[in-house]
Amino acid sequence: MLTLPRLAALLALAAGPALAQAPAPAAQPPLRCAVDGTFAPHAFPRLEGGVQGFNIDLFREAARRMGRDIVIDSASFSGLVPAMNAGRYDFLCAPVTATAERAENMLFTEGYLFTAFQFGIRRGSAPITSLADLRGKVISVNKGSAYDAWAAANAERYGFTVQAYDTQTDAVQAVVSGRAYANLGGNTVVRYAATRTPQFVADFVITDTRAHWSAPLRRDNVAMQVALENALECMKKDGTIARLSQQWFGTTPAADDAENTVFPGTGVPGLAGYDATPREPRCS
């Protein structure tokens, strides 16, 4: 159902470039968002101070296209959603998996990346073609992660052994050194590690774990949802998100990956808060 706030936001975008363009940065306060600043390559410290990464570049460019300055704070991931819901942030720049449970309590833009579980293996090892290939193998994971939980739940089913390490870096090194056959992690993190470690290569993706990585907002922030999604869609249409993905993750996104896909409506299809009303991106 099309709510009045969402209708007003859509009308503003549809009114044409002159009316749809946001005021100059000086006319409005900066947008505020936050990331987990320890999650490379999405956001991680720079030697000279501050943070860098895919999500930093992504949302700085989105804010520019919205005609706004932006302030990006770095904080613990566990505190980001409560801080946003308390009004400290307009949205979150951290990659957040859009799930049915989360969608009951917040809005999401459409996904700008797909997140999925992926294996990395030592260069020269036989590639994994299916989960059946894991039988008799040792799989390394980052202790306490979602990948650790998946591995623990599926080790007996697929016949592999799990080694859990305190950091993802240690889990990757276990593969490189031969202590483990494969590392299981998030697709972007595994791909990034492969660009930094010559003997480590990204391999098999568990496709049924794929979900949207989206920008969450408060439930009452419909106008911001529409404006932010419009900026992200324009960045998809002109190839900006695909170029950032190539730069930070080391591989070219496929035509049907989220970096290149403008999804219909507003939000993540199939989740609460999604509005299927057709909306054509307004790009300057």
C-alpha atoms as a PDB file:
ATOM      1  CA  MET A   1       0.000   0.000   0.000  1.00  0.00           C
ATOM      2  CA  LEU A   2       1.364   3.414  -0.965  1.00  0.00           C
ATOM      3  CA  THR A   3       1.569   5.575   2.175  1.00  0.00           C
ATOM      4  CA  LEU A   4       1.295   9.390   2.137  1.00  0.00           C
ATOM      5  CA  PRO A   5       4.976   9.942   3.076  1.00  0.00           C
ATOM      6  CA  ARG A   6       6.099   7.563   0.357  1.00  0.00           C
ATOM      7  CA  LEU A   7       3.745   9.171  -2.170  1.00  0.00           C
ATOM      8  CA  ALA A   8       5.151  12.599  -1.353  1.00  0.00           C
ATOM      9  CA  ALA A   9       8.691  11.320  -1.804  1.00  0.00           C
ATOM     10  CA  LEU A  10       7.836   9.716  -5.137  1.00  0.00           C
ATOM     11  CA  LEU A  11       6.129  12.870  -6.402  1.00  0.00           C
ATOM     12  CA  ALA A  12       9.182  14.922  -5.536  1.00  0.00           C
ATOM     13  CA  LEU A  13      11.391  12.638  -7.584  1.00  0.00           C
ATOM     14  CA  ALA A  14       8.946  12.507 -10.486  1.00  0.00           C
ATOM     15  CA  ALA A  15       8.496  16.278 -10.701  1.00  0.00           C
ATOM     16  CA  GLY A  16      11.526  16.721 -12.905  1.00  0.00           C
ATOM     17  CA  PRO A  17      15.201  17.566 -12.428  1.00  0.00           C
ATOM     18  CA  ALA A  18      14.583  21.117 -11.227  1.00  0.00           C
ATOM     19  CA  LEU A  19      12.270  20.038  -8.416  1.00  0.00           C
ATOM     20  CA  ALA A  20      13.826  16.648  -7.709  1.00  0.00           C
ATOM     21  CA  GLN A  21      17.303  18.061  -7.119  1.00  0.00           C
ATOM     22  CA  ALA A  22      18.085  18.382  -3.419  1.00  0.00           C
ATOM     23  CA  PRO A  23      19.167  21.757  -2.031  1.00  0.00           C
ATOM     24  CA  ALA A  24      22.867  22.585  -2.033  1.00  0.00           C
ATOM     25  CA  PRO A  25      24.860  21.112   0.851  1.00  0.00           C
ATOM     26  CA  ALA A  26      24.964  24.442   2.695  1.00  0.00           C
ATOM     27  CA  ALA A  27      21.152  24.536   2.826  1.00  0.00           C
ATOM     28  CA  GLN A  28      20.862  21.318   4.836  1.00  0.00           C
ATOM     29  CA  PRO A  29      22.901  19.711   7.611  1.00  0.00           C
ATOM     30  CA  PRO A  30      25.201  16.857   6.603  1.00  0.00           C
ATOM     31  CA  LEU A  31      23.788  13.370   6.406  1.00  0.00           C
ATOM     32  CA  ARG A  32      24.996  11.188   9.255  1.00  0.00           C
ATOM     33  CA  CYS A  33      25.708   7.491   8.989  1.00  0.00           C
ATOM     34  CA  ALA A  34      27.978   4.923  10.602  1.00  0.00           C
ATOM     35  CA  VAL A  35      30.052   1.845   9.812  1.00  0.00           C
ATOM     36  CA  ASP A  36      31.942  -0.870  11.613  1.00  0.00           C
ATOM     37  CA  GLY A  37      35.404   0.521  10.889  1.00  0.00           C
ATOM     38  CA  THR A  38      37.159  -2.841  11.281  1.00  0.00           C
ATOM     39  CA  PHE A  39      35.420  -4.703   8.447  1.00  0.00           C
ATOM     40  CA  ALA A  40      37.841  -4.664   5.494  1.00  0.00           C
ATOM     41  CA  PRO A  41      37.402  -4.028   2.632  1.00  0.00           C
ATOM     42  CA  HIS A  42      34.073  -2.349   3.386  1.00  0.00           C
ATOM     43  CA  ALA A  43      35.422   0.033   6.028  1.00  0.00           C
ATOM     44  CA  PHE A  44      38.810  -0.089   7.756  1.00  0.00           C
ATOM     45  CA  PRO A  45      41.403   2.329   9.162  1.00  0.00           C
ATOM     46  CA  ARG A  46      43.668   4.480   7.031  1.00  0.00           C
ATOM     47  CA  LEU A  47      47.283   4.948   8.148  1.00  0.00           C
ATOM     48  CA  GLU A  48      46.817   8.712   8.074  1.00  0.00           C
ATOM     49  CA  GLY A  49      43.609   8.524  10.117  1.00  0.00           C
ATOM     50  CA  GLY A  50      39.937   7.997   9.362  1.00  0.00           C
ATOM     51  CA  VAL A  51      38.440   5.075   7.476  1.00  0.00           C
ATOM     52  CA  GLN A  52      38.477   3.864   3.898  1.00  0.00           C
ATOM     53  CA  GLY A  53      36.779   1.135   1.923  1.00  0.00           C
ATOM     54  CA  PHE A  54      34.026   0.212  -0.503  1.00  0.00           C
ATOM     55  CA  ASN A  55      31.177   1.437   1.692  1.00  0.00           C
ATOM     56  CA  ILE A  56      32.939   4.721   2.437  1.00  0.00           C
ATOM     57  CA  ASP A  57      33.342   5.483  -1.277  1.00  0.00           C
ATOM     58  CA  LEU A  58      29.830   4.239  -2.046  1.00  0.00           C
ATOM     59  CA  PHE A  59      27.959   6.459   0.378  1.00  0.00           C
ATOM     60  CA  ARG A  60      30.111   9.532  -0.104  1.00  0.00           C
ATOM     61  CA  GLU A  61      29.174   9.386  -3.771  1.00  0.00           C
ATOM     62  CA  ALA A  62      25.510   8.692  -2.983  1.00  0.00           C
ATOM     63  CA  ALA A  63      25.420  11.728  -0.685  1.00  0.00           C
ATOM     64  CA  ARG A  64      27.022  13.892  -3.369  1.00  0.00           C
ATOM     65  CA  ARG A  65      24.292  12.888  -5.793  1.00  0.00           C
ATOM     66  CA  MET A  66      21.685  13.739  -3.159  1.00  0.00           C
ATOM     67  CA  GLY A  67      23.204  17.216  -2.884  1.00  0.00           C
ATOM     68  CA  ARG A  68      24.347  16.635   0.702  1.00  0.00           C
ATOM     69  CA  ASP A  69      27.559  16.484   2.677  1.00  0.00           C
ATOM     70  CA  ILE A  70      27.979  13.361   4.797  1.00  0.00           C
ATOM     71  CA  VAL A  71      29.633  12.488   8.111  1.00  0.00           C
ATOM     72  CA  ILE A  72      30.561   8.812   8.515  1.00  0.00           C
ATOM     73  CA  ASP A  73      31.244   7.633  12.058  1.00  0.00           C
ATOM     74  CA  SER A  74      33.091   4.443  12.945  1.00  0.00           C
ATOM     75  CA  ALA A  75      31.613   2.401  15.798  1.00  0.00           C
ATOM     76  CA  SER A  76      30.994  -1.149  16.974  1.00  0.00           C
ATOM     77  CA  PHE A  77      28.507  -2.908  14.721  1.00  0.00           C
ATOM     78  CA  SER A  78      26.386  -4.062  17.656  1.00  0.00           C
ATOM     79  CA  GLY A  79      25.561  -0.454  18.546  1.00  0.00           C
ATOM     80  CA  LEU A  80      24.772   0.861  15.079  1.00  0.00           C
ATOM     81  CA  VAL A  81      21.084  -0.058  14.793  1.00  0.00           C
ATOM     82  CA  PRO A  82      20.143   1.226  18.272  1.00  0.00           C
ATOM     83  CA  ALA A  83      21.956   4.494  17.541  1.00  0.00           C
ATOM     84  CA  MET A  84      20.110   4.879  14.230  1.00  0.00           C
ATOM     85  CA  ASN A  85      16.741   4.147  15.813  1.00  0.00           C
ATOM     86  CA  ALA A  86      17.537   6.731  18.509  1.00  0.00           C
ATOM     87  CA  GLY A  87      17.958   9.356  15.772  1.00  0.00           C
ATOM     88  CA  ARG A  88      21.735   9.695  15.820  1.00  0.00           C
ATOM     89  CA  TYR A  89      22.076   8.510  12.219  1.00  0.00           C
ATOM     90  CA  ASP A  90      19.944   9.022   9.106  1.00  0.00           C
ATOM     91  CA  PHE A  91      20.878   5.552   7.858  1.00  0.00           C
ATOM     92  CA  LEU A  92      23.714   3.053   8.191  1.00  0.00           C
ATOM     93  CA  CYS A  93      26.607   2.937   5.743  1.00  0.00           C
ATOM     94  CA  ALA A  94      27.719  -0.425   7.100  1.00  0.00           C
ATOM     95  CA  PRO A  95      26.781  -3.449   4.991  1.00  0.00           C
ATOM     96  CA  VAL A  96      23.685  -4.887   6.663  1.00  0.00           C
ATOM     97  CA  THR A  97      22.012  -8.093   5.493  1.00  0.00           C
ATOM     98  CA  ALA A  98      18.340  -7.438   4.747  1.00  0.00           C
ATOM     99  CA  THR A  99      16.410 -10.191   6.536  1.00  0.00           C
ATOM    100  CA  ALA A 100      12.725 -10.741   7.218  1.00  0.00           C
ATOM    101  CA  GLU A 101      13.301 -10.276  10.952  1.00  0.00           C
ATOM    102  CA  ARG A 102      15.150  -6.979  10.528  1.00  0.00           C
ATOM    103  CA  ALA A 103      12.628  -5.686   7.984  1.00  0.00           C
ATOM    104  CA  GLU A 104       9.928  -5.794  10.662  1.00  0.00           C
ATOM    105  CA  ASN A 105      11.766  -3.049  12.550  1.00  0.00           C
ATOM    106  CA  MET A 106      13.474  -0.916   9.901  1.00  0.00           C
ATOM    107  CA  LEU A 107      13.302   0.118   6.256  1.00  0.00           C
ATOM    108  CA  PHE A 108      15.859  -1.010   3.683  1.00  0.00           C
ATOM    109  CA  THR A 109      16.975   0.362   0.364  1.00  0.00           C
ATOM    110  CA  GLU A 110      17.300  -2.193  -2.398  1.00  0.00           C
ATOM    111  CA  GLY A 111      20.527  -4.169  -2.253  1.00  0.00           C
ATOM    112  CA  TYR A 112      23.702  -2.613  -3.636  1.00  0.00           C
ATOM    113  CA  LEU A 113      25.606  -5.907  -3.220  1.00  0.00           C
ATOM    114  CA  PHE A 114      24.679  -9.551  -2.856  1.00  0.00           C
ATOM    115  CA  THR A 115      26.219 -11.203   0.177  1.00  0.00           C
ATOM    116  CA  ALA A 116      26.748 -14.956   0.134  1.00  0.00           C
ATOM    117  CA  PHE A 117      28.888 -17.602   1.793  1.00  0.00           C
ATOM    118  CA  GLN A 118      31.997 -18.369  -0.275  1.00  0.00           C
ATOM    119  CA  PHE A 119      34.996 -20.658  -0.010  1.00  0.00           C
ATOM    120  CA  GLY A 120      38.583 -19.645  -0.676  1.00  0.00           C
ATOM    121  CA  ILE A 121      41.240 -22.246  -1.445  1.00  0.00           C
ATOM    122  CA  ARG A 122      45.000 -22.401  -1.896  1.00  0.00           C
ATOM    123  CA  ARG A 123      46.126 -21.626  -5.434  1.00  0.00           C
ATOM    124  CA  GLY A 124      46.664 -24.896  -7.313  1.00  0.00           C
ATOM    125  CA  SER A 125      44.212 -26.923  -5.207  1.00  0.00           C
ATOM    126  CA  ALA A 126      41.374 -28.746  -6.914  1.00  0.00           C
ATOM    127  CA  PRO A 127      38.418 -26.348  -7.150  1.00  0.00           C
ATOM    128  CA  ILE A 128      35.233 -27.057  -5.209  1.00  0.00           C
ATOM    129  CA  THR A 129      32.392 -27.879  -7.591  1.00  0.00           C
ATOM    130  CA  SER A 130      29.800 -28.863  -4.975  1.00  0.00           C
ATOM    131  CA  LEU A 131      29.523 -29.256  -1.231  1.00  0.00           C
ATOM    132  CA  ALA A 132      30.100 -32.995  -1.717  1.00  0.00           C
ATOM    133  CA  ASP A 133      33.726 -32.149  -2.560  1.00  0.00           C
ATOM    134  CA  LEU A 134      34.282 -31.139   1.068  1.00  0.00           C
ATOM    135  CA  ARG A 135      34.117 -34.705   2.387  1.00  0.00           C
ATOM    136  CA  GLY A 136      37.296 -35.554   4.283  1.00  0.00           C
ATOM    137  CA  LYS A 137      38.562 -31.965   4.083  1.00  0.00           C
ATOM    138  CA  VAL A 138      39.379 -29.378   6.781  1.00  0.00           C
ATOM    139  CA  ILE A 139      37.510 -26.061   6.602  1.00  0.00           C
ATOM    140  CA  SER A 140      38.739 -22.940   8.409  1.00  0.00           C
ATOM    141  CA  VAL A 141      36.380 -20.251   9.691  1.00  0.00           C
ATOM    142  CA  ASN A 142      36.454 -17.097  11.786  1.00  0.00           C
ATOM    143  CA  LYS A 143      35.399 -18.140  15.301  1.00  0.00           C
ATOM    144  CA  GLY A 144      31.918 -16.978  16.317  1.00  0.00           C
ATOM    145  CA  SER A 145      30.902 -15.867  12.820  1.00  0.00           C
ATOM    146  CA  ALA A 146      27.845 -16.913  10.816  1.00  0.00           C
ATOM    147  CA  TYR A 147      30.224 -19.026   8.732  1.00  0.00           C
ATOM    148  CA  ASP A 148      31.437 -20.825  11.871  1.00  0.00           C
ATOM    149  CA  ALA A 149      27.799 -21.578  12.746  1.00  0.00           C
ATOM    150  CA  TRP A 150      27.048 -22.884   9.243  1.00  0.00           C
ATOM    151  CA  ALA A 151      30.156 -25.069   9.238  1.00  0.00           C
ATOM    152  CA  ALA A 152      29.375 -26.509  12.665  1.00  0.00           C
ATOM    153  CA  ALA A 153      25.801 -27.282  11.602  1.00  0.00           C
ATOM    154  CA  ASN A 154      26.828 -28.948   8.341  1.00  0.00           C
ATOM    155  CA  ALA A 155      30.139 -30.668   9.150  1.00  0.00           C
ATOM    156  CA  GLU A 156      28.581 -34.076   9.813  1.00  0.00           C
ATOM    157  CA  ARG A 157      26.236 -33.833   6.821  1.00  0.00           C
ATOM    158  CA  TYR A 158      29.037 -33.137   4.336  1.00  0.00           C
ATOM    159  CA  GLY A 159      31.827 -34.988   6.155  1.00  0.00           C
ATOM    160  CA  PHE A 160      34.326 -32.173   6.751  1.00  0.00           C
ATOM    161  CA  THR A 161      36.235 -31.007   9.844  1.00  0.00           C
ATOM    162  CA  VAL A 162      36.080 -27.424  11.147  1.00  0.00           C
ATOM    163  CA  GLN A 163      38.987 -25.336  12.426  1.00  0.00           C
ATOM    164  CA  ALA A 164      37.895 -22.046  14.039  1.00  0.00           C
ATOM    165  CA  TYR A 165      40.356 -19.139  14.279  1.00  0.00           C
ATOM    166  CA  ASP A 166      40.208 -15.896  16.230  1.00  0.00           C
ATOM    167  CA  THR A 167      40.438 -13.756  13.076  1.00  0.00           C
ATOM    168  CA  GLN A 168      39.557 -14.126   9.415  1.00  0.00           C
ATOM    169  CA  THR A 169      43.190 -13.384   8.561  1.00  0.00           C
ATOM    170  CA  ASP A 170      44.311 -16.398  10.591  1.00  0.00           C
ATOM    171  CA  ALA A 171      41.644 -18.545   8.919  1.00  0.00           C
ATOM    172  CA  VAL A 172      42.968 -17.571   5.482  1.00  0.00           C
ATOM    173  CA  GLN A 173      46.564 -18.262   6.532  1.00  0.00           C
ATOM    174  CA  ALA A 174      45.515 -21.752   7.622  1.00  0.00           C
ATOM    175  CA  VAL A 175      44.594 -22.442   3.994  1.00  0.00           C
ATOM    176  CA  VAL A 176      47.751 -20.879   2.573  1.00  0.00           C
ATOM    177  CA  SER A 177      49.939 -22.884   4.968  1.00  0.00           C
ATOM    178  CA  GLY A 178      48.111 -26.134   4.195  1.00  0.00           C
ATOM    179  CA  ARG A 179      46.530 -26.651   7.621  1.00  0.00           C
ATOM    180  CA  ALA A 180      43.084 -26.345   6.036  1.00  0.00           C
ATOM    181  CA  TYR A 181      41.785 -27.084   2.556  1.00  0.00           C
ATOM    182  CA  ALA A 182      39.374 -24.176   2.313  1.00  0.00           C
ATOM    183  CA  ASN A 183      38.239 -21.117   4.201  1.00  0.00           C
ATOM    184  CA  LEU A 184      34.553 -20.248   4.454  1.00  0.00           C
ATOM    185  CA  GLY A 185      33.657 -16.550   4.727  1.00  0.00           C
ATOM    186  CA  GLY A 186      31.600 -13.789   3.167  1.00  0.00           C
ATOM    187  CA  ASN A 187      32.006 -13.407  -0.585  1.00  0.00           C
ATOM    188  CA  THR A 188      33.370  -9.851  -0.543  1.00  0.00           C
ATOM    189  CA  VAL A 189      35.815 -10.592   2.282  1.00  0.00           C
ATOM    190  CA  VAL A 190      37.060 -13.771   0.584  1.00  0.00           C
ATOM    191  CA  ARG A 191      37.485 -11.934  -2.732  1.00  0.00           C
ATOM    192  CA  TYR A 192      39.353  -9.111  -1.006  1.00  0.00           C
ATOM    193  CA  ALA A 193      41.688 -11.556   0.740  1.00  0.00           C
ATOM    194  CA  ALA A 194      42.434 -13.113  -2.661  1.00  0.00           C
ATOM    195  CA  THR A 195      43.614  -9.722  -3.983  1.00  0.00           C
ATOM    196  CA  ARG A 196      46.008  -9.375  -1.035  1.00  0.00           C
ATOM    197  CA  THR A 197      47.281 -12.967  -0.762  1.00  0.00           C
ATOM    198  CA  PRO A 198      48.660 -14.405  -4.043  1.00  0.00           C
ATOM    199  CA  GLN A 199      48.416 -18.030  -2.878  1.00  0.00           C
ATOM    200  CA  PHE A 200      44.727 -17.688  -1.942  1.00  0.00           C
ATOM    201  CA  VAL A 201      41.927 -17.717  -4.537  1.00  0.00           C
ATOM    202  CA  ALA A 202      38.172 -17.221  -4.260  1.00  0.00           C
ATOM    203  CA  ASP A 203      36.233 -20.358  -5.165  1.00  0.00           C
ATOM    204  CA  PHE A 204      32.807 -21.976  -4.676  1.00  0.00           C
ATOM    205  CA  VAL A 205      29.800 -19.844  -3.640  1.00  0.00           C
ATOM    206  CA  ILE A 206      26.892 -21.334  -1.674  1.00  0.00           C
ATOM    207  CA  THR A 207      24.235 -19.662  -3.795  1.00  0.00           C
ATOM    208  CA  ASP A 208      21.264 -20.406  -1.555  1.00  0.00           C
ATOM    209  CA  THR A 209      22.792 -18.168   1.134  1.00  0.00           C
ATOM    210  CA  ARG A 210      22.585 -15.104  -1.145  1.00  0.00           C
ATOM    211  CA  ALA A 211      20.873 -12.030   0.293  1.00  0.00           C
ATOM    212  CA  HIS A 212      20.803  -8.258  -0.199  1.00  0.00           C
ATOM    213  CA  TRP A 213      23.347  -6.036   1.515  1.00  0.00           C
ATOM    214  CA  SER A 214      21.333  -2.847   1.918  1.00  0.00           C
ATOM    215  CA  ALA A 215      21.253   0.491   3.712  1.00  0.00           C
ATOM    216  CA  PRO A 216      18.832   0.373   6.671  1.00  0.00           C
ATOM    217  CA  LEU A 217      16.795   3.364   7.835  1.00  0.00           C
ATOM    218  CA  ARG A 218      14.248   4.075  10.568  1.00  0.00           C
ATOM    219  CA  ARG A 219      10.708   2.959   9.764  1.00  0.00           C
ATOM    220  CA  ASP A 220       9.495   6.582   9.660  1.00  0.00           C
ATOM    221  CA  ASN A 221      12.193   7.755   7.222  1.00  0.00           C
ATOM    222  CA  VAL A 222      10.422   6.959   3.940  1.00  0.00           C
ATOM    223  CA  ALA A 223      11.494  10.140   2.131  1.00  0.00           C
ATOM    224  CA  MET A 224      15.155   9.395   2.880  1.00  0.00           C
ATOM    225  CA  GLN A 225      14.692   5.776   1.754  1.00  0.00           C
ATOM    226  CA  VAL A 226      13.376   6.909  -1.623  1.00  0.00           C
ATOM    227  CA  ALA A 227      16.046   9.594  -2.094  1.00  0.00           C
ATOM    228  CA  LEU A 228      18.924   7.297  -1.094  1.00  0.00           C
ATOM    229  CA  GLU A 229      17.675   4.418  -3.227  1.00  0.00           C
ATOM    230  CA  ASN A 230      17.299   6.786  -6.178  1.00  0.00           C
ATOM    231  CA  ALA A 231      20.971   7.803  -5.826  1.00  0.00           C
ATOM    232  CA  LEU A 232      22.092   4.166  -5.579  1.00  0.00           C
ATOM    233  CA  GLU A 233      20.057   3.205  -8.641  1.00  0.00           C
ATOM    234  CA  CYS A 234      21.618   6.023 -10.670  1.00  0.00           C
ATOM    235  CA  MET A 235      25.036   4.749  -9.582  1.00  0.00           C
ATOM    236  CA  LYS A 236      24.062   1.309 -10.856  1.00  0.00           C
ATOM    237  CA  LYS A 237      22.829   2.662 -14.175  1.00  0.00           C
ATOM    238  CA  ASP A 238      26.072   4.531 -14.940  1.00  0.00           C
ATOM    239  CA  GLY A 239      28.344   1.729 -13.701  1.00  0.00           C
ATOM    240  CA  THR A 240      29.690   3.502 -10.604  1.00  0.00           C
ATOM    241  CA  ILE A 241      28.887   0.720  -8.123  1.00  0.00           C
ATOM    242  CA  ALA A 242      30.282  -1.930 -10.470  1.00  0.00           C
ATOM    243  CA  ARG A 243      33.531   0.059 -10.785  1.00  0.00           C
ATOM    244  CA  LEU A 244      33.831   0.404  -6.999  1.00  0.00           C
ATOM    245  CA  SER A 245      33.174  -3.328  -6.651  1.00  0.00           C
ATOM    246  CA  GLN A 246      35.923  -4.112  -9.146  1.00  0.00           C
ATOM    247  CA  GLN A 247      38.295  -1.720  -7.348  1.00  0.00           C
ATOM    248  CA  TRP A 248      37.743  -3.065  -3.841  1.00  0.00           C
ATOM    249  CA  PHE A 249      36.877  -6.747  -4.383  1.00  0.00           C
ATOM    250  CA  GLY A 250      39.050  -7.528  -7.400  1.00  0.00           C
ATOM    251  CA  THR A 251      36.457  -9.088  -9.724  1.00  0.00           C
ATOM    252  CA  THR A 252      34.042  -7.685 -12.283  1.00  0.00           C
ATOM    253  CA  PRO A 253      30.381  -8.026 -11.187  1.00  0.00           C
ATOM    254  CA  ALA A 254      28.135 -10.091 -13.452  1.00  0.00           C
ATOM    255  CA  ALA A 255      25.314  -8.387 -15.313  1.00  0.00           C
ATOM    256  CA  ASP A 256      22.749  -9.841 -12.894  1.00  0.00           C
ATOM    257  CA  ASP A 257      24.671  -9.011  -9.708  1.00  0.00           C
ATOM    258  CA  ALA A 258      23.186  -6.372  -7.405  1.00  0.00           C
ATOM    259  CA  GLU A 259      25.849  -3.832  -8.419  1.00  0.00           C
ATOM    260  CA  ASN A 260      24.240  -3.740 -11.891  1.00  0.00           C
ATOM    261  CA  THR A 261      20.592  -4.488 -11.083  1.00  0.00           C
ATOM    262  CA  VAL A 262      17.950  -1.795 -10.581  1.00  0.00           C
ATOM    263  CA  PHE A 263      15.267  -3.689  -8.684  1.00  0.00           C
ATOM    264  CA  PRO A 264      11.590  -2.801  -9.230  1.00  0.00           C
ATOM    265  CA  GLY A 265       9.800  -0.677  -6.651  1.00  0.00           C
ATOM    266  CA  THR A 266      11.412   0.623  -3.469  1.00  0.00           C
ATOM    267  CA  GLY A 267      13.161  -1.552  -0.897  1.00  0.00           C
ATOM    268  CA  VAL A 268      14.015  -5.249  -0.966  1.00  0.00           C
ATOM    269  CA  PRO A 269      11.424  -7.317  -2.858  1.00  0.00           C
ATOM    270  CA  GLY A 270       9.632  -9.803  -0.646  1.00  0.00           C
ATOM    271  CA  LEU A 271      10.404  -8.123   2.675  1.00  0.00           C
ATOM    272  CA  ALA A 272       8.244  -5.931   4.905  1.00  0.00           C
ATOM    273  CA  GLY A 273       8.524  -2.257   3.975  1.00  0.00           C
ATOM    274  CA  TYR A 274       8.868  -3.030   0.263  1.00  0.00           C
ATOM    275  CA  ASP A 275       6.717  -0.901  -2.043  1.00  0.00           C
ATOM    276  CA  ALA A 276       6.168  -2.417  -5.504  1.00  0.00           C
ATOM    277  CA  THR A 277       4.934   0.878  -7.022  1.00  0.00           C
ATOM    278  CA  PRO A 278       6.981   1.418 -10.224  1.00  0.00           C
ATOM    279  CA  ARG A 279       9.578   4.164  -9.853  1.00  0.00           C
ATOM    280  CA  GLU A 280      11.987   5.258 -12.578  1.00  0.00           C
ATOM    281  CA  PRO A 281      15.309   6.595 -11.223  1.00  0.00           C
ATOM    282  CA  ARG A 282      15.769  10.358 -11.713  1.00  0.00           C
ATOM    283  CA  CYS A 283      19.423  10.879 -12.591  1.00  0.00           C
ATOM    284  CA  SER A 284      21.083  14.182 -13.441  1.00  0.00           C
END
